[in-house]
PDB file of all heavy atoms in Angstrom:
ATOM      1  N   ILE A   1      -0.520  -2.624  10.038  1.00  0.00           N
ATOM      2  CA  ILE A   1       0.662  -3.496  10.098  1.00  0.00           C
ATOM      3  C   ILE A   1       1.196  -3.550  11.530  1.00  0.00           C
ATOM      4  O   ILE A   1       1.500  -4.623  12.049  1.00  0.00           O
ATOM      5  CB  ILE A   1       1.760  -3.015   9.119  1.00  0.00           C
ATOM      6  CG1 ILE A   1       1.302  -3.259   7.682  1.00  0.00           C
ATOM      7  CG2 ILE A   1       3.090  -3.711   9.386  1.00  0.00           C
ATOM      8  CD1 ILE A   1       2.172  -2.601   6.626  1.00  0.00           C
ATOM      9  N   ALA A   2       1.294  -2.389  12.183  1.00  0.00           N
ATOM     10  CA  ALA A   2       1.804  -2.339  13.561  1.00  0.00           C
ATOM     11  C   ALA A   2       0.898  -3.124  14.506  1.00  0.00           C
ATOM     12  O   ALA A   2       1.384  -3.862  15.370  1.00  0.00           O
ATOM     13  CB  ALA A   2       1.914  -0.891  14.017  1.00  0.00           C
ATOM     14  N   GLU A   3      -0.405  -2.980  14.310  1.00  0.00           N
ATOM     15  CA  GLU A   3      -1.357  -3.701  15.166  1.00  0.00           C
ATOM     16  C   GLU A   3      -1.227  -5.205  14.973  1.00  0.00           C
ATOM     17  O   GLU A   3      -1.218  -5.971  15.932  1.00  0.00           O
ATOM     18  CB  GLU A   3      -2.782  -3.254  14.842  1.00  0.00           C
ATOM     19  CG  GLU A   3      -3.830  -3.888  15.727  1.00  0.00           C
ATOM     20  CD  GLU A   3      -5.233  -3.423  15.379  1.00  0.00           C
ATOM     21  OE1 GLU A   3      -5.406  -2.240  15.056  1.00  0.00           O
ATOM     22  OE2 GLU A   3      -6.143  -4.275  15.422  1.00  0.00           O
ATOM     23  N   ALA A   4      -1.108  -5.628  13.713  1.00  0.00           N
ATOM     24  CA  ALA A   4      -0.974  -7.063  13.434  1.00  0.00           C
ATOM     25  C   ALA A   4       0.358  -7.601  13.960  1.00  0.00           C
ATOM     26  O   ALA A   4       0.429  -8.730  14.446  1.00  0.00           O
ATOM     27  CB  ALA A   4      -1.097  -7.305  11.931  1.00  0.00           C
ATOM     28  N   ARG A   5       1.413  -6.787  13.874  1.00  0.00           N
ATOM     29  CA  ARG A   5       2.732  -7.199  14.354  1.00  0.00           C
ATOM     30  C   ARG A   5       2.708  -7.428  15.864  1.00  0.00           C
ATOM     31  O   ARG A   5       3.356  -8.328  16.388  1.00  0.00           O
ATOM     32  CB  ARG A   5       3.771  -6.133  14.001  1.00  0.00           C
ATOM     33  CG  ARG A   5       5.187  -6.559  14.288  1.00  0.00           C
ATOM     34  CD  ARG A   5       6.232  -5.500  13.945  1.00  0.00           C
ATOM     35  NE  ARG A   5       6.196  -5.128  12.548  1.00  0.00           N
ATOM     36  CZ  ARG A   5       6.067  -3.871  12.107  1.00  0.00           C
ATOM     37  NH1 ARG A   5       5.959  -2.866  12.951  1.00  0.00           N
ATOM     38  NH2 ARG A   5       6.048  -3.613  10.821  1.00  0.00           N
ATOM     39  N   ASP A   6       1.920  -6.606  16.553  1.00  0.00           N
ATOM     40  CA  ASP A   6       1.822  -6.728  18.015  1.00  0.00           C
ATOM     41  C   ASP A   6       1.119  -8.010  18.460  1.00  0.00           C
ATOM     42  O   ASP A   6       1.194  -8.383  19.620  1.00  0.00           O
ATOM     43  CB  ASP A   6       1.074  -5.524  18.609  1.00  0.00           C
ATOM     44  CG  ASP A   6       1.889  -4.246  18.509  1.00  0.00           C
ATOM     45  OD1 ASP A   6       3.118  -4.335  18.302  1.00  0.00           O
ATOM     46  OD2 ASP A   6       1.295  -3.158  18.614  1.00  0.00           O
ATOM     47  N   LYS A   7       0.463  -8.685  17.529  1.00  0.00           N
ATOM     48  CA  LYS A   7      -0.292  -9.890  17.882  1.00  0.00           C
ATOM     49  C   LYS A   7       0.565 -11.152  17.909  1.00  0.00           C
ATOM     50  O   LYS A   7       0.037 -12.246  18.064  1.00  0.00           O
ATOM     51  CB  LYS A   7      -1.477 -10.062  16.935  1.00  0.00           C
ATOM     52  CG  LYS A   7      -2.520  -8.979  17.154  1.00  0.00           C
ATOM     53  CD  LYS A   7      -3.747  -9.186  16.355  1.00  0.00           C
ATOM     54  CE  LYS A   7      -4.738  -8.078  16.686  1.00  0.00           C
ATOM     55  NZ  LYS A   7      -5.924  -8.139  15.897  1.00  0.00           N
ATOM     56  N   GLY A   8       1.848 -11.016  17.669  1.00  0.00           N
ATOM     57  CA  GLY A   8       2.708 -12.183  17.845  1.00  0.00           C
ATOM     58  C   GLY A   8       3.378 -12.682  16.580  1.00  0.00           C
ATOM     59  O   GLY A   8       3.743 -11.908  15.714  1.00  0.00           O
ATOM     60  N   ASP A   9       3.542 -14.007  16.489  1.00  0.00           N
ATOM     61  CA  ASP A   9       4.280 -14.709  15.437  1.00  0.00           C
ATOM     62  C   ASP A   9       3.835 -14.259  14.044  1.00  0.00           C
ATOM     63  O   ASP A   9       2.707 -14.491  13.634  1.00  0.00           O
ATOM     64  CB  ASP A   9       4.068 -16.220  15.600  1.00  0.00           C
ATOM     65  CG  ASP A   9       4.906 -17.014  14.612  1.00  0.00           C
ATOM     66  OD1 ASP A   9       5.784 -16.409  13.952  1.00  0.00           O
ATOM     67  OD2 ASP A   9       4.693 -18.232  14.511  1.00  0.00           O
ATOM     68  N   LEU A  10       4.740 -13.618  13.295  1.00  0.00           N
ATOM     69  CA  LEU A  10       4.414 -13.092  11.969  1.00  0.00           C
ATOM     70  C   LEU A  10       4.319 -14.184  10.905  1.00  0.00           C
ATOM     71  O   LEU A  10       3.673 -13.998   9.879  1.00  0.00           O
ATOM     72  CB  LEU A  10       5.462 -12.058  11.542  1.00  0.00           C
ATOM     73  CG  LEU A  10       5.567 -10.816  12.416  1.00  0.00           C
ATOM     74  CD1 LEU A  10       6.612  -9.857  11.859  1.00  0.00           C
ATOM     75  CD2 LEU A  10       4.231 -10.117  12.548  1.00  0.00           C
ATOM     76  N   SER A  11       4.930 -15.331  11.138  1.00  0.00           N
ATOM     77  CA  SER A  11       4.920 -16.389  10.130  1.00  0.00           C
ATOM     78  C   SER A  11       3.541 -17.005   9.953  1.00  0.00           C
ATOM     79  O   SER A  11       3.240 -17.555   8.899  1.00  0.00           O
ATOM     80  CB  SER A  11       5.950 -17.472  10.482  1.00  0.00           C
ATOM     81  OG  SER A  11       5.568 -18.117  11.679  1.00  0.00           O
ATOM     82  N   GLU A  12       2.696 -16.915  10.965  1.00  0.00           N
ATOM     83  CA  GLU A  12       1.355 -17.485  10.864  1.00  0.00           C
ATOM     84  C   GLU A  12       0.277 -16.438  11.110  1.00  0.00           C
ATOM     85  O   GLU A  12      -0.813 -16.737  11.561  1.00  0.00           O
ATOM     86  CB  GLU A  12       1.199 -18.629  11.878  1.00  0.00           C
ATOM     87  CG  GLU A  12       2.108 -19.792  11.595  1.00  0.00           C
ATOM     88  CD  GLU A  12       1.947 -20.899  12.626  1.00  0.00           C
ATOM     89  OE1 GLU A  12       0.960 -20.879  13.374  1.00  0.00           O
ATOM     90  OE2 GLU A  12       2.821 -21.775  12.668  1.00  0.00           O
ATOM     91  N   ASN A  13       0.589 -15.190  10.768  1.00  0.00           N
ATOM     92  CA  ASN A  13      -0.317 -14.093  11.058  1.00  0.00           C
ATOM     93  C   ASN A  13      -0.940 -13.592   9.750  1.00  0.00           C
ATOM     94  O   ASN A  13      -0.360 -12.790   9.031  1.00  0.00           O
ATOM     95  CB  ASN A  13       0.459 -12.974  11.768  1.00  0.00           C
ATOM     96  CG  ASN A  13      -0.441 -11.897  12.314  1.00  0.00           C
ATOM     97  OD1 ASN A  13      -1.523 -11.675  11.803  1.00  0.00           O
ATOM     98  ND2 ASN A  13       0.039 -11.219  13.353  1.00  0.00           N
ATOM     99  N   ALA A  14      -2.136 -14.061   9.447  1.00  0.00           N
ATOM    100  CA  ALA A  14      -2.827 -13.685   8.210  1.00  0.00           C
ATOM    101  C   ALA A  14      -3.166 -12.199   8.206  1.00  0.00           C
ATOM    102  O   ALA A  14      -3.162 -11.554   7.151  1.00  0.00           O
ATOM    103  CB  ALA A  14      -4.088 -14.517   8.039  1.00  0.00           C
ATOM    104  N   GLU A  15      -3.458 -11.665   9.366  1.00  0.00           N
ATOM    105  CA  GLU A  15      -3.795 -10.243   9.475  1.00  0.00           C
ATOM    106  C   GLU A  15      -2.599  -9.388   9.050  1.00  0.00           C
ATOM    107  O   GLU A  15      -2.745  -8.388   8.342  1.00  0.00           O
ATOM    108  CB  GLU A  15      -4.177  -9.944  10.923  1.00  0.00           C
ATOM    109  CG  GLU A  15      -5.084  -8.762  11.088  1.00  0.00           C
ATOM    110  CD  GLU A  15      -5.541  -8.591  12.519  1.00  0.00           C
ATOM    111  OE1 GLU A  15      -5.944  -9.577  13.167  1.00  0.00           O
ATOM    112  OE2 GLU A  15      -5.478  -7.440  12.994  1.00  0.00           O
ATOM    113  N   TYR A  16      -1.400  -9.800   9.462  1.00  0.00           N
ATOM    114  CA  TYR A  16      -0.176  -9.090   9.098  1.00  0.00           C
ATOM    115  C   TYR A  16       0.043  -9.168   7.584  1.00  0.00           C
ATOM    116  O   TYR A  16       0.336  -8.169   6.941  1.00  0.00           O
ATOM    117  CB  TYR A  16       1.014  -9.681   9.850  1.00  0.00           C
ATOM    118  CG  TYR A  16       2.339  -9.051   9.492  1.00  0.00           C
ATOM    119  CD1 TYR A  16       2.716  -7.835  10.032  1.00  0.00           C
ATOM    120  CD2 TYR A  16       3.209  -9.688   8.611  1.00  0.00           C
ATOM    121  CE1 TYR A  16       3.930  -7.250   9.708  1.00  0.00           C
ATOM    122  CE2 TYR A  16       4.429  -9.118   8.278  1.00  0.00           C
ATOM    123  CZ  TYR A  16       4.777  -7.891   8.831  1.00  0.00           C
ATOM    124  OH  TYR A  16       5.988  -7.316   8.494  1.00  0.00           O
ATOM    125  N   ASP A  17      -0.132 -10.375   7.034  1.00  0.00           N
ATOM    126  CA  ASP A  17       0.043 -10.547   5.588  1.00  0.00           C
ATOM    127  C   ASP A  17      -0.932  -9.679   4.806  1.00  0.00           C
ATOM    128  O   ASP A  17      -0.570  -9.055   3.799  1.00  0.00           O
ATOM    129  CB  ASP A  17      -0.134 -12.021   5.198  1.00  0.00           C
ATOM    130  CG  ASP A  17       0.979 -12.907   5.738  1.00  0.00           C
ATOM    131  OD1 ASP A  17       2.066 -12.371   6.059  1.00  0.00           O
ATOM    132  OD2 ASP A  17       0.766 -14.134   5.844  1.00  0.00           O
ATOM    133  N   ALA A  18      -2.185  -9.641   5.252  1.00  0.00           N
ATOM    134  CA  ALA A  18      -3.207  -8.839   4.567  1.00  0.00           C
ATOM    135  C   ALA A  18      -2.866  -7.348   4.646  1.00  0.00           C
ATOM    136  O   ALA A  18      -3.012  -6.614   3.663  1.00  0.00           O
ATOM    137  CB  ALA A  18      -4.576  -9.103   5.173  1.00  0.00           C
ATOM    138  N   ALA A  19      -2.397  -6.900   5.804  1.00  0.00           N
ATOM    139  CA  ALA A  19      -2.044  -5.489   5.969  1.00  0.00           C
ATOM    140  C   ALA A  19      -0.850  -5.124   5.090  1.00  0.00           C
ATOM    141  O   ALA A  19      -0.828  -4.051   4.471  1.00  0.00           O
ATOM    142  CB  ALA A  19      -1.739  -5.200   7.440  1.00  0.00           C
ATOM    143  N   LYS A  20       0.131  -6.002   5.015  1.00  0.00           N
ATOM    144  CA  LYS A  20       1.294  -5.758   4.143  1.00  0.00           C
ATOM    145  C   LYS A  20       0.881  -5.723   2.671  1.00  0.00           C
ATOM    146  O   LYS A  20       1.368  -4.905   1.900  1.00  0.00           O
ATOM    147  CB  LYS A  20       2.367  -6.840   4.357  1.00  0.00           C
ATOM    148  CG  LYS A  20       3.120  -6.745   5.659  1.00  0.00           C
ATOM    149  CD  LYS A  20       3.958  -5.500   5.778  1.00  0.00           C
ATOM    150  CE  LYS A  20       5.247  -5.606   5.000  1.00  0.00           C
ATOM    151  NZ  LYS A  20       6.093  -4.424   5.139  1.00  0.00           N
ATOM    152  N   GLU A  21      -0.021  -6.625   2.297  1.00  0.00           N
ATOM    153  CA  GLU A  21      -0.510  -6.654   0.921  1.00  0.00           C
ATOM    154  C   GLU A  21      -1.258  -5.356   0.594  1.00  0.00           C
ATOM    155  O   GLU A  21      -1.077  -4.775  -0.469  1.00  0.00           O
ATOM    156  CB  GLU A  21      -1.429  -7.858   0.709  1.00  0.00           C
ATOM    157  CG  GLU A  21      -1.883  -8.016  -0.724  1.00  0.00           C
ATOM    158  CD  GLU A  21      -2.745  -9.250  -0.941  1.00  0.00           C
ATOM    159  OE1 GLU A  21      -2.577 -10.242  -0.205  1.00  0.00           O
ATOM    160  OE2 GLU A  21      -3.588  -9.208  -1.845  1.00  0.00           O
ATOM    161  N   TRP A  22      -2.099  -4.907   1.507  1.00  0.00           N
ATOM    162  CA  TRP A  22      -2.835  -3.658   1.316  1.00  0.00           C
ATOM    163  C   TRP A  22      -1.867  -2.489   1.159  1.00  0.00           C
ATOM    164  O   TRP A  22      -2.019  -1.651   0.267  1.00  0.00           O
ATOM    165  CB  TRP A  22      -3.794  -3.428   2.492  1.00  0.00           C
ATOM    166  CG  TRP A  22      -4.534  -2.118   2.453  1.00  0.00           C
ATOM    167  CD1 TRP A  22      -5.068  -1.507   1.353  1.00  0.00           C
ATOM    168  CD2 TRP A  22      -4.806  -1.236   3.545  1.00  0.00           C
ATOM    169  NE1 TRP A  22      -5.673  -0.318   1.701  1.00  0.00           N
ATOM    170  CE2 TRP A  22      -5.523  -0.130   3.052  1.00  0.00           C
ATOM    171  CE3 TRP A  22      -4.530  -1.300   4.905  1.00  0.00           C
ATOM    172  CZ2 TRP A  22      -5.957   0.912   3.851  1.00  0.00           C
ATOM    173  CZ3 TRP A  22      -4.975  -0.256   5.707  1.00  0.00           C
ATOM    174  CH2 TRP A  22      -5.674   0.837   5.179  1.00  0.00           C
ATOM    175  N   GLN A  23      -0.842  -2.468   2.009  1.00  0.00           N
ATOM    176  CA  GLN A  23       0.140  -1.394   1.930  1.00  0.00           C
ATOM    177  C   GLN A  23       0.859  -1.413   0.576  1.00  0.00           C
ATOM    178  O   GLN A  23       1.082  -0.375  -0.034  1.00  0.00           O
ATOM    179  CB  GLN A  23       1.155  -1.502   3.064  1.00  0.00           C
ATOM    180  CG  GLN A  23       2.162  -0.360   3.066  1.00  0.00           C
ATOM    181  CD  GLN A  23       3.249  -0.545   4.101  1.00  0.00           C
ATOM    182  OE1 GLN A  23       3.779  -1.640   4.262  1.00  0.00           O
ATOM    183  NE2 GLN A  23       3.566   0.518   4.808  1.00  0.00           N
ATOM    184  N   GLY A  24       1.208  -2.585   0.099  1.00  0.00           N
ATOM    185  CA  GLY A  24       1.886  -2.701  -1.196  1.00  0.00           C
ATOM    186  C   GLY A  24       1.025  -2.196  -2.344  1.00  0.00           C
ATOM    187  O   GLY A  24       1.501  -1.466  -3.216  1.00  0.00           O
ATOM    188  N   LYS A  25      -0.261  -2.583  -2.329  1.00  0.00           N
ATOM    189  CA  LYS A  25      -1.176  -2.106  -3.368  1.00  0.00           C
ATOM    190  C   LYS A  25      -1.354  -0.591  -3.296  1.00  0.00           C
ATOM    191  O   LYS A  25      -1.363   0.088  -4.318  1.00  0.00           O
ATOM    192  CB  LYS A  25      -2.544  -2.797  -3.233  1.00  0.00           C
ATOM    193  CG  LYS A  25      -2.556  -4.223  -3.694  1.00  0.00           C
ATOM    194  CD  LYS A  25      -3.943  -4.829  -3.561  1.00  0.00           C
ATOM    195  CE  LYS A  25      -3.945  -6.276  -4.006  1.00  0.00           C
ATOM    196  NZ  LYS A  25      -5.255  -6.904  -3.874  1.00  0.00           N
ATOM    197  N   LEU A  26      -1.474  -0.090  -2.090  1.00  0.00           N
ATOM    198  CA  LEU A  26      -1.638   1.341  -1.886  1.00  0.00           C
ATOM    199  C   LEU A  26      -0.435   2.112  -2.412  1.00  0.00           C
ATOM    200  O   LEU A  26      -0.580   3.109  -3.129  1.00  0.00           O
ATOM    201  CB  LEU A  26      -1.850   1.635  -0.399  1.00  0.00           C
ATOM    202  CG  LEU A  26      -2.047   3.096  -0.010  1.00  0.00           C
ATOM    203  CD1 LEU A  26      -3.321   3.649  -0.630  1.00  0.00           C
ATOM    204  CD2 LEU A  26      -2.086   3.238   1.505  1.00  0.00           C
ATOM    205  N   GLU A  27       0.759   1.647  -2.095  1.00  0.00           N
ATOM    206  CA  GLU A  27       1.973   2.325  -2.571  1.00  0.00           C
ATOM    207  C   GLU A  27       2.065   2.277  -4.096  1.00  0.00           C
ATOM    208  O   GLU A  27       2.503   3.244  -4.727  1.00  0.00           O
ATOM    209  CB  GLU A  27       3.221   1.720  -1.933  1.00  0.00           C
ATOM    210  CG  GLU A  27       3.340   1.990  -0.444  1.00  0.00           C
ATOM    211  CD  GLU A  27       3.349   3.464  -0.072  1.00  0.00           C
ATOM    212  OE1 GLU A  27       3.881   4.305  -0.843  1.00  0.00           O
ATOM    213  OE2 GLU A  27       2.819   3.802   1.008  1.00  0.00           O
ATOM    214  N   GLY A  28       1.632   1.168  -4.693  1.00  0.00           N
ATOM    215  CA  GLY A  28       1.600   1.077  -6.154  1.00  0.00           C
ATOM    216  C   GLY A  28       0.627   2.077  -6.764  1.00  0.00           C
ATOM    217  O   GLY A  28       0.939   2.728  -7.763  1.00  0.00           O
ATOM    218  N   GLU A  29      -0.545   2.203  -6.152  1.00  0.00           N
ATOM    219  CA  GLU A  29      -1.543   3.162  -6.639  1.00  0.00           C
ATOM    220  C   GLU A  29      -1.048   4.597  -6.484  1.00  0.00           C
ATOM    221  O   GLU A  29      -1.267   5.433  -7.360  1.00  0.00           O
ATOM    222  CB  GLU A  29      -2.858   2.987  -5.886  1.00  0.00           C
ATOM    223  CG  GLU A  29      -3.614   1.727  -6.254  1.00  0.00           C
ATOM    224  CD  GLU A  29      -4.885   1.554  -5.434  1.00  0.00           C
ATOM    225  OE1 GLU A  29      -5.511   2.566  -5.067  1.00  0.00           O
ATOM    226  OE2 GLU A  29      -5.254   0.397  -5.160  1.00  0.00           O
ATOM    227  N   ILE A  30      -0.388   4.892  -5.369  1.00  0.00           N
ATOM    228  CA  ILE A  30       0.157   6.232  -5.147  1.00  0.00           C
ATOM    229  C   ILE A  30       1.196   6.560  -6.215  1.00  0.00           C
ATOM    230  O   ILE A  30       1.187   7.644  -6.801  1.00  0.00           O
ATOM    231  CB  ILE A  30       0.745   6.360  -3.723  1.00  0.00           C
ATOM    232  CG1 ILE A  30      -0.394   6.409  -2.697  1.00  0.00           C
ATOM    233  CG2 ILE A  30       1.649   7.593  -3.604  1.00  0.00           C
ATOM    234  CD1 ILE A  30       0.065   6.339  -1.243  1.00  0.00           C
ATOM    235  N   ALA A  31       2.087   5.626  -6.498  1.00  0.00           N
ATOM    236  CA  ALA A  31       3.126   5.848  -7.507  1.00  0.00           C
ATOM    237  C   ALA A  31       2.505   6.070  -8.885  1.00  0.00           C
ATOM    238  O   ALA A  31       2.934   6.958  -9.636  1.00  0.00           O
ATOM    239  CB  ALA A  31       4.087   4.659  -7.543  1.00  0.00           C
ATOM    240  N   LYS A  32       1.485   5.278  -9.202  1.00  0.00           N
ATOM    241  CA  LYS A  32       0.813   5.406 -10.501  1.00  0.00           C
ATOM    242  C   LYS A  32       0.131   6.768 -10.608  1.00  0.00           C
ATOM    243  O   LYS A  32       0.237   7.443 -11.641  1.00  0.00           O
ATOM    244  CB  LYS A  32      -0.206   4.271 -10.628  1.00  0.00           C
ATOM    245  CG  LYS A  32      -0.866   4.151 -11.957  1.00  0.00           C
ATOM    246  CD  LYS A  32      -1.752   2.910 -11.956  1.00  0.00           C
ATOM    247  CE  LYS A  32      -2.658   2.855 -13.146  1.00  0.00           C
ATOM    248  NZ  LYS A  32      -3.588   1.728 -13.089  1.00  0.00           N
ATOM    249  N   LEU A  33      -0.545   7.183  -9.558  1.00  0.00           N
ATOM    250  CA  LEU A  33      -1.239   8.462  -9.545  1.00  0.00           C
ATOM    251  C   LEU A  33      -0.253   9.620  -9.668  1.00  0.00           C
ATOM    252  O   LEU A  33      -0.504  10.584 -10.400  1.00  0.00           O
ATOM    253  CB  LEU A  33      -2.043   8.578  -8.252  1.00  0.00           C
ATOM    254  CG  LEU A  33      -3.281   9.440  -8.236  1.00  0.00           C
ATOM    255  CD1 LEU A  33      -4.200   9.147  -9.411  1.00  0.00           C
ATOM    256  CD2 LEU A  33      -4.045   9.230  -6.939  1.00  0.00           C
ATOM    257  N   LYS A  34       0.888   9.520  -8.977  1.00  0.00           N
ATOM    258  CA  LYS A  34       1.915  10.559  -9.073  1.00  0.00           C
ATOM    259  C   LYS A  34       2.436  10.681 -10.509  1.00  0.00           C
ATOM    260  O   LYS A  34       2.677  11.785 -10.999  1.00  0.00           O
ATOM    261  CB  LYS A  34       3.069  10.272  -8.125  1.00  0.00           C
ATOM    262  CG  LYS A  34       2.783  10.638  -6.698  1.00  0.00           C
ATOM    263  CD  LYS A  34       4.005  10.385  -5.820  1.00  0.00           C
ATOM    264  CE  LYS A  34       3.760  10.876  -4.407  1.00  0.00           C
ATOM    265  NZ  LYS A  34       4.940  10.691  -3.546  1.00  0.00           N
ATOM    266  N   ALA A  35       2.590   9.544 -11.178  1.00  0.00           N
ATOM    267  CA  ALA A  35       3.068   9.559 -12.565  1.00  0.00           C
ATOM    268  C   ALA A  35       2.051  10.231 -13.487  1.00  0.00           C
ATOM    269  O   ALA A  35       2.422  11.020 -14.363  1.00  0.00           O
ATOM    270  CB  ALA A  35       3.362   8.138 -13.037  1.00  0.00           C
ATOM    271  N   VAL A  36       0.779   9.929 -13.291  1.00  0.00           N
ATOM    272  CA  VAL A  36      -0.272  10.545 -14.114  1.00  0.00           C
ATOM    273  C   VAL A  36      -0.298  12.051 -13.878  1.00  0.00           C
ATOM    274  O   VAL A  36      -0.350  12.841 -14.820  1.00  0.00           O
ATOM    275  CB  VAL A  36      -1.650   9.913 -13.816  1.00  0.00           C
ATOM    276  CG1 VAL A  36      -2.766  10.724 -14.453  1.00  0.00           C
ATOM    277  CG2 VAL A  36      -1.699   8.478 -14.311  1.00  0.00           C
ATOM    278  N   ILE A  37      -0.247  12.456 -12.616  1.00  0.00           N
ATOM    279  CA  ILE A  37      -0.308  13.876 -12.280  1.00  0.00           C
ATOM    280  C   ILE A  37       0.906  14.624 -12.829  1.00  0.00           C
ATOM    281  O   ILE A  37       0.775  15.714 -13.379  1.00  0.00           O
ATOM    282  CB  ILE A  37      -0.429  14.068 -10.751  1.00  0.00           C
ATOM    283  CG1 ILE A  37      -1.832  13.641 -10.302  1.00  0.00           C
ATOM    284  CG2 ILE A  37      -0.143  15.508 -10.343  1.00  0.00           C
ATOM    285  CD1 ILE A  37      -2.014  13.535  -8.799  1.00  0.00           C
ATOM    286  N   SER A  38       2.088  14.022 -12.718  1.00  0.00           N
ATOM    287  CA  SER A  38       3.286  14.702 -13.209  1.00  0.00           C
ATOM    288  C   SER A  38       3.299  14.844 -14.726  1.00  0.00           C
ATOM    289  O   SER A  38       3.896  15.774 -15.254  1.00  0.00           O
ATOM    290  CB  SER A  38       4.545  13.983 -12.731  1.00  0.00           C
ATOM    291  OG  SER A  38       4.692  12.747 -13.395  1.00  0.00           O
ATOM    292  N   GLY A  39       2.601  13.949 -15.420  1.00  0.00           N
ATOM    293  CA  GLY A  39       2.554  14.039 -16.874  1.00  0.00           C
ATOM    294  C   GLY A  39       1.277  14.657 -17.410  1.00  0.00           C
ATOM    295  O   GLY A  39       1.029  14.652 -18.616  1.00  0.00           O
ATOM    296  N   ALA A  40       0.470  15.228 -16.528  1.00  0.00           N
ATOM    297  CA  ALA A  40      -0.825  15.772 -16.948  1.00  0.00           C
ATOM    298  C   ALA A  40      -0.671  17.062 -17.743  1.00  0.00           C
ATOM    299  O   ALA A  40       0.194  17.887 -17.456  1.00  0.00           O
ATOM    300  CB  ALA A  40      -1.699  16.028 -15.726  1.00  0.00           C
ATOM    301  N   LYS A  41      -1.495  17.197 -18.727  1.00  0.00           N
ATOM    302  CA  LYS A  41      -1.569  18.424 -19.525  1.00  0.00           C
ATOM    303  C   LYS A  41      -2.991  18.934 -19.411  1.00  0.00           C
ATOM    304  O   LYS A  41      -3.939  18.272 -19.827  1.00  0.00           O
ATOM    305  CB  LYS A  41      -1.212  18.111 -20.977  1.00  0.00           C
ATOM    306  CG  LYS A  41      -1.393  19.264 -21.908  1.00  0.00           C
ATOM    307  CD  LYS A  41      -0.066  19.749 -22.429  1.00  0.00           C
ATOM    308  CE  LYS A  41      -0.251  20.780 -23.522  1.00  0.00           C
ATOM    309  NZ  LYS A  41      -0.160  22.129 -23.058  1.00  0.00           N
ATOM    310  N   ILE A  42      -3.156  20.099 -18.811  1.00  0.00           N
ATOM    311  CA  ILE A  42      -4.477  20.694 -18.611  1.00  0.00           C
ATOM    312  C   ILE A  42      -4.919  21.347 -19.919  1.00  0.00           C
ATOM    313  O   ILE A  42      -4.167  22.106 -20.524  1.00  0.00           O
ATOM    314  CB  ILE A  42      -4.448  21.764 -17.490  1.00  0.00           C
ATOM    315  CG1 ILE A  42      -3.775  21.239 -16.247  1.00  0.00           C
ATOM    316  CG2 ILE A  42      -5.841  22.308 -17.250  1.00  0.00           C
ATOM    317  CD1 ILE A  42      -4.563  20.330 -15.394  1.00  0.00           C
ATOM    318  N   ILE A  43      -6.137  21.038 -20.316  1.00  0.00           N
ATOM    319  CA  ILE A  43      -6.684  21.589 -21.558  1.00  0.00           C
ATOM    320  C   ILE A  43      -7.675  22.693 -21.222  1.00  0.00           C
ATOM    321  O   ILE A  43      -8.549  22.520 -20.373  1.00  0.00           O
ATOM    322  CB  ILE A  43      -7.383  20.495 -22.376  1.00  0.00           C
ATOM    323  CG1 ILE A  43      -6.370  19.432 -22.784  1.00  0.00           C
ATOM    324  CG2 ILE A  43      -8.052  21.077 -23.598  1.00  0.00           C
ATOM    325  CD1 ILE A  43      -6.982  18.254 -23.479  1.00  0.00           C
ATOM    326  N   ASP A  44      -7.551  23.811 -21.910  1.00  0.00           N
ATOM    327  CA  ASP A  44      -8.485  24.920 -21.756  1.00  0.00           C
ATOM    328  C   ASP A  44      -9.540  24.795 -22.856  1.00  0.00           C
ATOM    329  O   ASP A  44      -9.246  25.040 -24.026  1.00  0.00           O
ATOM    330  CB  ASP A  44      -7.739  26.247 -21.872  1.00  0.00           C
ATOM    331  CG  ASP A  44      -8.646  27.451 -21.716  1.00  0.00           C
ATOM    332  OD1 ASP A  44      -9.865  27.273 -21.499  1.00  0.00           O
ATOM    333  OD2 ASP A  44      -8.132  28.585 -21.799  1.00  0.00           O
TER     334      ASP A  44
END
């Protein structure tokens, strides 16, 4: 995101949009994984 932001006008910067989208998906996956881990029950 920082690299894409340094390239100039954000309104027409596809690289910036793609990086923001990737970050959003990543944060969603992290939150989902944290929820699974916090509710995990280990079976012996």
